[in-house]
C-alpha atoms as a PDB file:
ATOM      1  CA  MET A   1     -26.806  50.457  24.226  1.00  0.00           C
ATOM      2  CA  PRO A   2     -26.050  46.795  23.299  1.00  0.00           C
ATOM      3  CA  ARG A   3     -25.420  44.429  26.232  1.00  0.00           C
ATOM      4  CA  ALA A   4     -23.688  41.275  26.583  1.00  0.00           C
ATOM      5  CA  TRP A   5     -22.951  38.768  29.394  1.00  0.00           C
ATOM      6  CA  HIS A   6     -19.247  38.516  30.248  1.00  0.00           C
ATOM      7  CA  LEU A   7     -17.583  35.741  32.223  1.00  0.00           C
ATOM      8  CA  LYS A   8     -16.403  37.559  35.286  1.00  0.00           C
ATOM      9  CA  SER A   9     -14.591  34.655  36.939  1.00  0.00           C
ATOM     10  CA  ARG A  10     -14.010  31.077  36.330  1.00  0.00           C
ATOM     11  CA  PRO A  11     -16.370  28.905  38.335  1.00  0.00           C
ATOM     12  CA  GLN A  12     -15.077  26.234  40.795  1.00  0.00           C
ATOM     13  CA  GLY A  13     -17.695  23.460  40.775  1.00  0.00           C
ATOM     14  CA  LEU A  14     -21.177  24.622  39.963  1.00  0.00           C
ATOM     15  CA  PRO A  15     -21.357  28.209  38.562  1.00  0.00           C
ATOM     16  CA  THR A  16     -23.121  30.843  40.527  1.00  0.00           C
ATOM     17  CA  ALA A  17     -24.524  34.204  39.390  1.00  0.00           C
ATOM     18  CA  ASP A  18     -21.300  35.840  40.668  1.00  0.00           C
ATOM     19  CA  ASN A  19     -19.385  34.289  37.828  1.00  0.00           C
ATOM     20  CA  PHE A  20     -21.344  36.350  35.245  1.00  0.00           C
ATOM     21  CA  GLU A  21     -21.635  40.127  34.623  1.00  0.00           C
ATOM     22  CA  LEU A  22     -24.018  41.950  32.212  1.00  0.00           C
ATOM     23  CA  LYS A  23     -22.221  44.867  30.560  1.00  0.00           C
ATOM     24  CA  THR A  24     -22.871  47.346  27.866  1.00  0.00           C
ATOM     25  CA  ILE A  25     -20.593  46.780  24.733  1.00  0.00           C
ATOM     26  CA  GLU A  26     -19.437  48.840  21.823  1.00  0.00           C
ATOM     27  CA  LEU A  27     -20.320  47.292  18.510  1.00  0.00           C
ATOM     28  CA  PRO A  28     -17.588  47.547  15.697  1.00  0.00           C
ATOM     29  CA  PRO A  29     -18.502  49.730  12.607  1.00  0.00           C
ATOM     30  CA  LEU A  30     -20.422  47.950   9.885  1.00  0.00           C
ATOM     31  CA  GLU A  31     -18.069  47.339   7.132  1.00  0.00           C
ATOM     32  CA  ASP A  32     -18.359  45.645   3.733  1.00  0.00           C
ATOM     33  CA  GLY A  33     -19.317  41.943   4.066  1.00  0.00           C
ATOM     34  CA  MET A  34     -20.853  42.481   7.575  1.00  0.00           C
ATOM     35  CA  VAL A  35     -24.300  42.488   9.106  1.00  0.00           C
ATOM     36  CA  ARG A  36     -25.811  43.845  12.201  1.00  0.00           C
ATOM     37  CA  VAL A  37     -28.194  41.444  13.908  1.00  0.00           C
ATOM     38  CA  ALA A  38     -30.800  41.946  16.700  1.00  0.00           C
ATOM     39  CA  ASN A  39     -31.007  38.732  18.495  1.00  0.00           C
ATOM     40  CA  ARG A  40     -34.461  37.308  19.226  1.00  0.00           C
ATOM     41  CA  TRP A  41     -33.744  33.857  20.728  1.00  0.00           C
ATOM     42  CA  LEU A  42     -30.573  32.665  22.638  1.00  0.00           C
ATOM     43  CA  SER A  43     -29.546  29.049  23.279  1.00  0.00           C
ATOM     44  CA  VAL A  44     -28.161  27.720  26.568  1.00  0.00           C
ATOM     45  CA  ASP A  45     -26.454  24.357  26.393  1.00  0.00           C
ATOM     46  CA  PRO A  46     -24.512  22.166  28.843  1.00  0.00           C
ATOM     47  CA  TYR A  47     -21.319  22.217  26.706  1.00  0.00           C
ATOM     48  CA  MET A  48     -20.951  25.882  27.624  1.00  0.00           C
ATOM     49  CA  ARG A  49     -19.906  24.902  31.157  1.00  0.00           C
ATOM     50  CA  GLY A  50     -16.685  23.319  29.641  1.00  0.00           C
ATOM     51  CA  ARG A  51     -15.806  26.644  28.004  1.00  0.00           C
ATOM     52  CA  MET A  52     -15.766  28.329  31.400  1.00  0.00           C
ATOM     53  CA  ASN A  53     -12.639  26.390  32.293  1.00  0.00           C
ATOM     54  CA  ASP A  54      -9.256  27.481  31.232  1.00  0.00           C
ATOM     55  CA  VAL A  55      -8.324  24.189  29.537  1.00  0.00           C
ATOM     56  CA  LYS A  56      -7.562  23.088  26.054  1.00  0.00           C
ATOM     57  CA  SER A  57     -10.498  21.459  24.296  1.00  0.00           C
ATOM     58  CA  TYR A  58     -12.264  21.103  20.956  1.00  0.00           C
ATOM     59  CA  VAL A  59     -13.421  24.780  21.291  1.00  0.00           C
ATOM     60  CA  PRO A  60     -11.528  27.701  22.975  1.00  0.00           C
ATOM     61  CA  PRO A  61     -12.381  28.622  26.493  1.00  0.00           C
ATOM     62  CA  PHE A  62     -14.335  31.767  27.212  1.00  0.00           C
ATOM     63  CA  ALA A  63     -12.140  34.697  27.971  1.00  0.00           C
ATOM     64  CA  ILE A  64     -12.402  36.491  31.334  1.00  0.00           C
ATOM     65  CA  ASP A  65     -14.110  39.879  31.091  1.00  0.00           C
ATOM     66  CA  ALA A  66     -15.125  39.265  27.419  1.00  0.00           C
ATOM     67  CA  PRO A  67     -18.582  38.625  25.866  1.00  0.00           C
ATOM     68  CA  MET A  68     -19.588  35.087  25.901  1.00  0.00           C
ATOM     69  CA  GLU A  69     -20.781  33.123  22.920  1.00  0.00           C
ATOM     70  CA  GLY A  70     -23.520  30.626  22.009  1.00  0.00           C
ATOM     71  CA  GLY A  71     -26.200  29.821  19.538  1.00  0.00           C
ATOM     72  CA  ALA A  72     -28.593  32.508  18.572  1.00  0.00           C
ATOM     73  CA  VAL A  73     -31.329  33.390  16.162  1.00  0.00           C
ATOM     74  CA  GLY A  74     -31.751  36.944  15.188  1.00  0.00           C
ATOM     75  CA  GLU A  75     -33.101  39.381  12.570  1.00  0.00           C
ATOM     76  CA  VAL A  76     -30.752  41.410  10.268  1.00  0.00           C
ATOM     77  CA  VAL A  77     -31.433  45.069  10.857  1.00  0.00           C
ATOM     78  CA  GLU A  78     -28.558  46.417   8.741  1.00  0.00           C
ATOM     79  CA  SER A  79     -26.449  44.824   6.030  1.00  0.00           C
ATOM     80  CA  LYS A  80     -23.351  45.628   3.828  1.00  0.00           C
ATOM     81  CA  ALA A  81     -23.317  42.009   2.603  1.00  0.00           C
ATOM     82  CA  ALA A  82     -24.540  40.409  -0.487  1.00  0.00           C
ATOM     83  CA  GLY A  83     -27.332  37.843   0.116  1.00  0.00           C
ATOM     84  CA  LEU A  84     -28.550  39.175   3.452  1.00  0.00           C
ATOM     85  CA  GLN A  85     -31.116  41.923   3.622  1.00  0.00           C
ATOM     86  CA  PRO A  86     -32.773  43.720   6.541  1.00  0.00           C
ATOM     87  CA  GLY A  87     -35.614  41.442   7.821  1.00  0.00           C
ATOM     88  CA  ASP A  88     -33.658  38.297   7.188  1.00  0.00           C
ATOM     89  CA  ARG A  89     -33.646  35.805   9.989  1.00  0.00           C
ATOM     90  CA  VAL A  90     -30.254  34.167  10.614  1.00  0.00           C
ATOM     91  CA  VAL A  91     -28.571  31.710  13.062  1.00  0.00           C
ATOM     92  CA  HIS A  92     -25.132  32.382  14.378  1.00  0.00           C
ATOM     93  CA  MET A  93     -22.811  32.043  17.510  1.00  0.00           C
ATOM     94  CA  ALA A  94     -22.962  35.618  18.863  1.00  0.00           C
ATOM     95  CA  GLY A  95     -25.228  34.712  21.699  1.00  0.00           C
ATOM     96  CA  TRP A  96     -25.363  35.794  25.321  1.00  0.00           C
ATOM     97  CA  ARG A  97     -26.132  39.333  23.992  1.00  0.00           C
ATOM     98  CA  ASP A  98     -28.934  41.344  22.401  1.00  0.00           C
ATOM     99  CA  GLU A  99     -27.186  42.635  19.388  1.00  0.00           C
ATOM    100  CA  ALA A 100     -24.146  41.786  17.369  1.00  0.00           C
ATOM    101  CA  VAL A 101     -22.104  42.891  14.371  1.00  0.00           C
ATOM    102  CA  LEU A 102     -20.504  39.995  12.582  1.00  0.00           C
ATOM    103  CA  PRO A 103     -19.190  38.842   9.060  1.00  0.00           C
ATOM    104  CA  ALA A 104     -21.985  37.572   6.891  1.00  0.00           C
ATOM    105  CA  SER A 105     -20.005  34.347   6.606  1.00  0.00           C
ATOM    106  CA  ALA A 106     -20.723  33.731  10.342  1.00  0.00           C
ATOM    107  CA  ALA A 107     -24.479  34.116   9.908  1.00  0.00           C
ATOM    108  CA  THR A 108     -26.626  31.364   8.058  1.00  0.00           C
ATOM    109  CA  LYS A 109     -29.927  32.577   6.681  1.00  0.00           C
ATOM    110  CA  LEU A 110     -32.702  30.232   7.967  1.00  0.00           C
ATOM    111  CA  PRO A 111     -34.126  28.020   5.211  1.00  0.00           C
ATOM    112  CA  ASP A 112     -37.914  28.212   4.649  1.00  0.00           C
ATOM    113  CA  LEU A 113     -38.967  24.906   6.236  1.00  0.00           C
ATOM    114  CA  GLY A 114     -42.326  26.219   7.738  1.00  0.00           C
ATOM    115  CA  VAL A 115     -41.191  26.081  11.273  1.00  0.00           C
ATOM    116  CA  GLU A 116     -40.758  28.717  14.056  1.00  0.00           C
ATOM    117  CA  PRO A 117     -37.339  30.340  13.953  1.00  0.00           C
ATOM    118  CA  GLN A 118     -36.253  29.106  17.363  1.00  0.00           C
ATOM    119  CA  ALA A 119     -36.384  25.599  15.839  1.00  0.00           C
ATOM    120  CA  PHE A 120     -33.005  26.265  14.416  1.00  0.00           C
ATOM    121  CA  LEU A 121     -31.598  26.330  17.858  1.00  0.00           C
ATOM    122  CA  GLY A 122     -33.442  23.110  18.753  1.00  0.00           C
ATOM    123  CA  ASN A 123     -34.512  20.106  16.516  1.00  0.00           C
ATOM    124  CA  LEU A 124     -33.247  21.793  13.402  1.00  0.00           C
ATOM    125  CA  GLY A 125     -30.059  23.114  14.980  1.00  0.00           C
ATOM    126  CA  LEU A 126     -27.317  21.934  17.138  1.00  0.00           C
ATOM    127  CA  THR A 127     -29.602  20.096  19.319  1.00  0.00           C
ATOM    128  CA  GLY A 128     -31.340  18.020  16.600  1.00  0.00           C
ATOM    129  CA  GLY A 129     -28.039  17.565  14.655  1.00  0.00           C
ATOM    130  CA  THR A 130     -26.252  16.287  17.647  1.00  0.00           C
ATOM    131  CA  ALA A 131     -28.916  13.652  18.197  1.00  0.00           C
ATOM    132  CA  TYR A 132     -29.205  12.678  14.401  1.00  0.00           C
ATOM    133  CA  PHE A 133     -25.497  12.267  13.667  1.00  0.00           C
ATOM    134  CA  GLY A 134     -24.682  10.854  17.107  1.00  0.00           C
ATOM    135  CA  LEU A 135     -27.425   8.208  16.873  1.00  0.00           C
ATOM    136  CA  LEU A 136     -27.176   7.279  13.313  1.00  0.00           C
ATOM    137  CA  ASP A 137     -23.562   7.783  12.570  1.00  0.00           C
ATOM    138  CA  ALA A 138     -21.399   7.635  15.745  1.00  0.00           C
ATOM    139  CA  ALA A 139     -23.512   4.768  17.189  1.00  0.00           C
ATOM    140  CA  SER A 140     -24.503   3.219  13.821  1.00  0.00           C
ATOM    141  CA  ALA A 141     -27.888   2.667  15.143  1.00  0.00           C
ATOM    142  CA  LYS A 142     -30.348   0.847  12.804  1.00  0.00           C
ATOM    143  CA  ALA A 143     -33.887  -0.556  12.711  1.00  0.00           C
ATOM    144  CA  GLY A 144     -34.500  -3.237  15.267  1.00  0.00           C
ATOM    145  CA  ASP A 145     -31.816  -2.025  17.709  1.00  0.00           C
ATOM    146  CA  ILE A 146     -32.654  -1.627  21.387  1.00  0.00           C
ATOM    147  CA  VAL A 147     -31.503   1.970  22.422  1.00  0.00           C
ATOM    148  CA  PHE A 148     -30.924   3.450  25.740  1.00  0.00           C
ATOM    149  CA  VAL A 149     -30.927   7.176  26.002  1.00  0.00           C
ATOM    150  CA  SER A 150     -29.836   9.136  29.142  1.00  0.00           C
ATOM    151  CA  ALA A 151     -31.368  12.594  29.966  1.00  0.00           C
ATOM    152  CA  ALA A 152     -34.204  11.679  27.595  1.00  0.00           C
ATOM    153  CA  ALA A 153     -36.325  14.565  28.752  1.00  0.00           C
ATOM    154  CA  GLY A 154     -33.638  17.052  27.672  1.00  0.00           C
ATOM    155  CA  ALA A 155     -33.034  18.903  24.447  1.00  0.00           C
ATOM    156  CA  VAL A 156     -30.738  16.260  22.769  1.00  0.00           C
ATOM    157  CA  GLY A 157     -32.216  13.290  24.625  1.00  0.00           C
ATOM    158  CA  SER A 158     -35.758  14.007  23.628  1.00  0.00           C
ATOM    159  CA  ALA A 159     -34.566  14.310  19.990  1.00  0.00           C
ATOM    160  CA  VAL A 160     -32.720  11.026  20.067  1.00  0.00           C
ATOM    161  CA  VAL A 161     -35.862   9.229  21.460  1.00  0.00           C
ATOM    162  CA  GLN A 162     -37.866  10.495  18.457  1.00  0.00           C
ATOM    163  CA  ILE A 163     -35.372   9.901  15.755  1.00  0.00           C
ATOM    164  CA  ALA A 164     -34.916   6.385  17.044  1.00  0.00           C
ATOM    165  CA  LYS A 165     -38.604   5.650  16.995  1.00  0.00           C
ATOM    166  CA  ALA A 166     -38.970   7.121  13.550  1.00  0.00           C
ATOM    167  CA  SER A 167     -36.152   4.784  12.401  1.00  0.00           C
ATOM    168  CA  GLY A 168     -37.708   1.624  13.826  1.00  0.00           C
ATOM    169  CA  MET A 169     -35.813   1.185  17.021  1.00  0.00           C
ATOM    170  CA  THR A 170     -36.929   0.130  20.462  1.00  0.00           C
ATOM    171  CA  VAL A 171     -36.170   3.062  22.933  1.00  0.00           C
ATOM    172  CA  ILE A 172     -35.633   3.183  26.726  1.00  0.00           C
ATOM    173  CA  GLY A 173     -35.175   6.618  28.073  1.00  0.00           C
ATOM    174  CA  SER A 174     -33.973   7.859  31.529  1.00  0.00           C
ATOM    175  CA  ALA A 175     -35.363  10.899  33.121  1.00  0.00           C
ATOM    176  CA  ARG A 176     -35.819  12.588  36.560  1.00  0.00           C
ATOM    177  CA  GLY A 177     -39.091  12.204  38.361  1.00  0.00           C
ATOM    178  CA  PRO A 178     -42.635  11.231  37.215  1.00  0.00           C
ATOM    179  CA  ALA A 179     -43.369  14.339  35.144  1.00  0.00           C
ATOM    180  CA  LYS A 180     -40.269  13.938  33.046  1.00  0.00           C
ATOM    181  CA  CYS A 181     -40.762  10.215  32.696  1.00  0.00           C
ATOM    182  CA  ASP A 182     -44.358  10.970  31.432  1.00  0.00           C
ATOM    183  CA  PHE A 183     -42.974  13.357  28.869  1.00  0.00           C
ATOM    184  CA  VAL A 184     -40.499  10.809  27.583  1.00  0.00           C
ATOM    185  CA  ARG A 185     -43.338   8.194  27.255  1.00  0.00           C
ATOM    186  CA  SER A 186     -45.335  10.906  25.283  1.00  0.00           C
ATOM    187  CA  LEU A 187     -42.455  11.037  22.776  1.00  0.00           C
ATOM    188  CA  GLY A 188     -42.962   7.400  22.078  1.00  0.00           C
ATOM    189  CA  ALA A 189     -40.364   5.748  24.312  1.00  0.00           C
ATOM    190  CA  ASP A 190     -41.080   2.072  24.939  1.00  0.00           C
ATOM    191  CA  ALA A 191     -39.940   2.207  28.440  1.00  0.00           C
ATOM    192  CA  VAL A 192     -38.699   4.828  30.875  1.00  0.00           C
ATOM    193  CA  VAL A 193     -36.263   4.636  33.705  1.00  0.00           C
ATOM    194  CA  ASP A 194     -36.751   7.065  36.632  1.00  0.00           C
ATOM    195  CA  TYR A 195     -33.163   7.433  37.765  1.00  0.00           C
ATOM    196  CA  THR A 196     -34.226   8.992  41.212  1.00  0.00           C
ATOM    197  CA  ALA A 197     -36.200   5.896  42.058  1.00  0.00           C
ATOM    198  CA  GLY A 198     -33.389   3.315  42.705  1.00  0.00           C
ATOM    199  CA  SER A 199     -30.440   1.539  41.127  1.00  0.00           C
ATOM    200  CA  ILE A 200     -30.233   2.469  37.453  1.00  0.00           C
ATOM    201  CA  VAL A 201     -28.647  -0.802  36.744  1.00  0.00           C
ATOM    202  CA  LYS A 202     -31.660  -2.727  38.131  1.00  0.00           C
ATOM    203  CA  SER A 203     -34.179  -0.445  36.443  1.00  0.00           C
ATOM    204  CA  LEU A 204     -32.476  -0.701  33.063  1.00  0.00           C
ATOM    205  CA  ALA A 205     -32.225  -4.497  33.534  1.00  0.00           C
ATOM    206  CA  ALA A 206     -36.024  -4.604  34.077  1.00  0.00           C
ATOM    207  CA  ALA A 207     -36.637  -2.347  31.116  1.00  0.00           C
ATOM    208  CA  ALA A 208     -34.240  -4.193  28.869  1.00  0.00           C
ATOM    209  CA  PRO A 209     -34.115  -7.917  30.014  1.00  0.00           C
ATOM    210  CA  ASP A 210     -32.439  -8.900  26.689  1.00  0.00           C
ATOM    211  CA  GLY A 211     -29.885  -6.018  27.028  1.00  0.00           C
ATOM    212  CA  ILE A 212     -29.211  -3.006  24.740  1.00  0.00           C
ATOM    213  CA  ASP A 213     -27.534  -2.545  21.384  1.00  0.00           C
ATOM    214  CA  VAL A 214     -27.045   1.200  21.497  1.00  0.00           C
ATOM    215  CA  TYR A 215     -26.351   3.775  24.304  1.00  0.00           C
ATOM    216  CA  PHE A 216     -26.629   7.510  23.598  1.00  0.00           C
ATOM    217  CA  ASP A 217     -24.746   9.094  26.580  1.00  0.00           C
ATOM    218  CA  ASN A 218     -25.535  12.584  27.776  1.00  0.00           C
ATOM    219  CA  VAL A 219     -24.806  11.956  31.429  1.00  0.00           C
ATOM    220  CA  GLY A 220     -21.917   9.678  32.084  1.00  0.00           C
ATOM    221  CA  GLY A 221     -21.563   8.327  35.811  1.00  0.00           C
ATOM    222  CA  ASP A 222     -24.101   5.753  36.740  1.00  0.00           C
ATOM    223  CA  HIS A 223     -25.853   5.737  33.497  1.00  0.00           C
ATOM    224  CA  LEU A 224     -22.775   4.875  31.581  1.00  0.00           C
ATOM    225  CA  ASP A 225     -22.069   2.130  34.121  1.00  0.00           C
ATOM    226  CA  ALA A 226     -25.577   0.809  33.701  1.00  0.00           C
ATOM    227  CA  ALA A 227     -25.239   0.799  29.973  1.00  0.00           C
ATOM    228  CA  LEU A 228     -21.880  -1.101  30.070  1.00  0.00           C
ATOM    229  CA  ALA A 229     -23.555  -3.547  32.462  1.00  0.00           C
ATOM    230  CA  LEU A 230     -26.471  -4.286  30.023  1.00  0.00           C
ATOM    231  CA  ALA A 231     -24.736  -4.088  26.712  1.00  0.00           C
ATOM    232  CA  ARG A 232     -25.040  -6.798  24.268  1.00  0.00           C
ATOM    233  CA  ARG A 233     -22.270  -8.108  22.030  1.00  0.00           C
ATOM    234  CA  ASN A 234     -21.155  -5.557  19.525  1.00  0.00           C
ATOM    235  CA  ALA A 235     -22.987  -2.780  21.316  1.00  0.00           C
ATOM    236  CA  ARG A 236     -22.290   0.771  20.220  1.00  0.00           C
ATOM    237  CA  PHE A 237     -22.050   3.781  22.423  1.00  0.00           C
ATOM    238  CA  ALA A 238     -22.310   7.429  21.285  1.00  0.00           C
ATOM    239  CA  ILE A 239     -20.549   9.643  23.873  1.00  0.00           C
ATOM    240  CA  CYS A 240     -22.211  13.005  23.489  1.00  0.00           C
ATOM    241  CA  GLY A 241     -21.847  14.554  26.932  1.00  0.00           C
ATOM    242  CA  MET A 242     -21.070  13.747  30.622  1.00  0.00           C
ATOM    243  CA  ILE A 243     -23.012  16.443  32.497  1.00  0.00           C
ATOM    244  CA  ASP A 244     -22.598  14.427  35.823  1.00  0.00           C
ATOM    245  CA  ALA A 245     -18.962  15.443  35.832  1.00  0.00           C
ATOM    246  CA  TYR A 246     -19.092  18.990  34.294  1.00  0.00           C
ATOM    247  CA  ASN A 247     -19.002  20.729  37.685  1.00  0.00           C
ATOM    248  CA  SER A 248     -17.239  18.190  39.849  1.00  0.00           C
ATOM    249  CA  GLY A 249     -14.477  17.227  37.397  1.00  0.00           C
ATOM    250  CA  GLN A 250     -14.520  13.784  38.726  1.00  0.00           C
ATOM    251  CA  PRO A 251     -14.054  10.814  36.276  1.00  0.00           C
ATOM    252  CA  THR A 252     -16.798   8.318  35.655  1.00  0.00           C
ATOM    253  CA  ALA A 253     -16.625   5.212  37.920  1.00  0.00           C
ATOM    254  CA  LEU A 254     -16.646   2.742  34.958  1.00  0.00           C
ATOM    255  CA  ARG A 255     -17.381  -0.180  37.311  1.00  0.00           C
ATOM    256  CA  TYR A 256     -18.137  -2.460  34.386  1.00  0.00           C
ATOM    257  CA  ILE A 257     -15.534  -1.296  32.042  1.00  0.00           C
ATOM    258  CA  MET A 258     -14.097  -4.887  31.523  1.00  0.00           C
ATOM    259  CA  ARG A 259     -17.278  -5.653  29.691  1.00  0.00           C
ATOM    260  CA  ILE A 260     -16.012  -3.540  26.744  1.00  0.00           C
ATOM    261  CA  ILE A 261     -13.689  -6.558  25.878  1.00  0.00           C
ATOM    262  CA  ALA A 262     -16.075  -9.376  26.444  1.00  0.00           C
ATOM    263  CA  MET A 263     -18.997  -7.702  24.644  1.00  0.00           C
ATOM    264  CA  ARG A 264     -16.747  -6.051  21.929  1.00  0.00           C
ATOM    265  CA  ILE A 265     -18.373  -2.723  22.811  1.00  0.00           C
ATOM    266  CA  ARG A 266     -17.520   0.261  20.677  1.00  0.00           C
ATOM    267  CA  LEU A 267     -17.437   3.710  22.332  1.00  0.00           C
ATOM    268  CA  GLN A 268     -17.314   6.629  19.908  1.00  0.00           C
ATOM    269  CA  GLY A 269     -17.032  10.289  21.042  1.00  0.00           C
ATOM    270  CA  PHE A 270     -18.136  12.874  18.503  1.00  0.00           C
ATOM    271  CA  ILE A 271     -18.781  16.591  18.048  1.00  0.00           C
ATOM    272  CA  TYR A 272     -21.562  18.160  16.067  1.00  0.00           C
ATOM    273  CA  THR A 273     -19.164  20.239  13.960  1.00  0.00           C
ATOM    274  CA  ASP A 274     -17.674  17.022  12.583  1.00  0.00           C
ATOM    275  CA  TYR A 275     -20.798  16.735  10.486  1.00  0.00           C
ATOM    276  CA  LEU A 276     -21.294  20.174   9.019  1.00  0.00           C
ATOM    277  CA  PRO A 277     -20.580  19.105   5.457  1.00  0.00           C
ATOM    278  CA  ARG A 278     -23.697  16.646   5.828  1.00  0.00           C
ATOM    279  CA  MET A 279     -26.160  19.273   6.993  1.00  0.00           C
ATOM    280  CA  GLY A 280     -28.161  18.753   3.810  1.00  0.00           C
ATOM    281  CA  ASP A 281     -28.927  15.161   4.809  1.00  0.00           C
ATOM    282  CA  PHE A 282     -30.010  16.358   8.312  1.00  0.00           C
ATOM    283  CA  TYR A 283     -32.355  19.047   6.993  1.00  0.00           C
ATOM    284  CA  ARG A 284     -33.801  16.506   4.631  1.00  0.00           C
ATOM    285  CA  ASP A 285     -34.558  13.872   7.230  1.00  0.00           C
ATOM    286  CA  MET A 286     -35.276  16.013  10.165  1.00  0.00           C
ATOM    287  CA  GLY A 287     -37.581  18.379   8.017  1.00  0.00           C
ATOM    288  CA  GLY A 288     -39.429  15.321   6.944  1.00  0.00           C
ATOM    289  CA  TRP A 289     -40.002  13.886  10.434  1.00  0.00           C
ATOM    290  CA  ILE A 290     -41.061  17.247  11.756  1.00  0.00           C
ATOM    291  CA  ALA A 291     -43.499  17.744   8.801  1.00  0.00           C
ATOM    292  CA  SER A 292     -45.005  14.206   9.434  1.00  0.00           C
ATOM    293  CA  GLY A 293     -45.340  14.830  13.157  1.00  0.00           C
ATOM    294  CA  GLN A 294     -42.819  12.112  13.991  1.00  0.00           C
ATOM    295  CA  VAL A 295     -40.527  14.601  15.687  1.00  0.00           C
ATOM    296  CA  LYS A 296     -41.978  17.371  17.847  1.00  0.00           C
ATOM    297  CA  SER A 297     -40.434  20.027  19.948  1.00  0.00           C
ATOM    298  CA  ARG A 298     -40.947  21.091  23.492  1.00  0.00           C
ATOM    299  CA  GLU A 299     -39.255  24.179  24.908  1.00  0.00           C
ATOM    300  CA  THR A 300     -38.647  25.679  28.216  1.00  0.00           C
ATOM    301  CA  VAL A 301     -38.506  29.449  27.665  1.00  0.00           C
ATOM    302  CA  VAL A 302     -37.032  32.076  29.979  1.00  0.00           C
ATOM    303  CA  GLU A 303     -37.765  35.552  28.969  1.00  0.00           C
ATOM    304  CA  GLY A 304     -35.177  38.525  29.075  1.00  0.00           C
ATOM    305  CA  LEU A 305     -31.403  38.852  28.550  1.00  0.00           C
ATOM    306  CA  GLU A 306     -31.144  39.550  32.274  1.00  0.00           C
ATOM    307  CA  ARG A 307     -32.139  35.935  33.042  1.00  0.00           C
ATOM    308  CA  MET A 308     -29.607  34.284  30.845  1.00  0.00           C
ATOM    309  CA  PRO A 309     -27.371  32.943  33.706  1.00  0.00           C
ATOM    310  CA  GLU A 310     -30.589  31.795  35.451  1.00  0.00           C
ATOM    311  CA  ALA A 311     -31.504  29.801  32.432  1.00  0.00           C
ATOM    312  CA  PHE A 312     -28.048  28.316  32.062  1.00  0.00           C
ATOM    313  CA  LEU A 313     -27.796  27.240  35.761  1.00  0.00           C
ATOM    314  CA  GLY A 314     -31.256  25.758  35.447  1.00  0.00           C
ATOM    315  CA  LEU A 315     -29.770  23.014  33.093  1.00  0.00           C
ATOM    316  CA  PHE A 316     -27.834  21.578  36.031  1.00  0.00           C
ATOM    317  CA  GLU A 317     -31.023  21.562  38.303  1.00  0.00           C
ATOM    318  CA  GLY A 318     -33.254  19.781  35.848  1.00  0.00           C
ATOM    319  CA  ALA A 319     -35.301  22.906  35.284  1.00  0.00           C
ATOM    320  CA  ASN A 320     -35.907  22.274  31.603  1.00  0.00           C
ATOM    321  CA  ILE A 321     -37.985  19.783  29.640  1.00  0.00           C
ATOM    322  CA  GLY A 322     -36.852  19.783  26.096  1.00  0.00           C
ATOM    323  CA  LYS A 323     -34.849  22.677  24.693  1.00  0.00           C
ATOM    324  CA  MET A 324     -33.864  25.670  27.190  1.00  0.00           C
ATOM    325  CA  LEU A 325     -34.138  28.935  25.453  1.00  0.00           C
ATOM    326  CA  VAL A 326     -34.013  32.678  26.320  1.00  0.00           C
ATOM    327  CA  LYS A 327     -36.344  34.778  24.443  1.00  0.00           C
ATOM    328  CA  LEU A 328     -35.555  38.596  23.974  1.00  0.00           C
END
């Protein structure tokens, strides 16, 4: 029988295993225009924490005692839809489960770009698209800019580092501990700040004595403060995520917020889905960078549907380098 993870209760603070329950599910009958998909790869992403709260946001919250959702790559095993045949590999949002029946319109056949299928959950999917559009559009980053990237060893951050370098920028990344800092350097970062080693403001000032032009924010908190403190005139900030506050719910300190005025800083929030009409540009550029070796993938893989919550919770403990995936 197919199984899916359900949200058993809404977490208070950091989620625990008790907030999740793995249950068998009944799949709907396959009707015209629908496909049945066996999932092979599941994505876990920090934004999913926000969907566990019963609050109005850009995406509806997970319902209690209902299957959860997320990015997934699977294989079509049965089809009643034109354009999709058994054996086709597709990306869709019916994750957190091993099998799904869904409208063909909700599944996208993977383009043949000569990469492993899970790449469409990483650098060729939401992760890479978020990095690409956030850096180049929301932050208007350009060649010659000095870019600061928080959580640079994570899925989105590591993509930002590589896109920025491929586009002729100077890149400073932040990461946790020596191993992750070494990884960020291996991606081509010009300097790396170990945020566990002391004041982020002082470390960033040492790495960027002339200040920064662009900040790609995945963290919030002290990282955002440091970026505000070191921002040059007309700096642009792409506000992608604030994982520091996802579980605490506490606002960012913003100790240097007054510098927004003096430095004419632009802060731009954005959502990946804002850019879906421009995915052709993304596939063209990212596909080229991957083919040339300018952008590489690193994955942290957890095996088995049973370990899905473990993989998700690992995001908040720094358990991943690069993209966190669950392999079925």
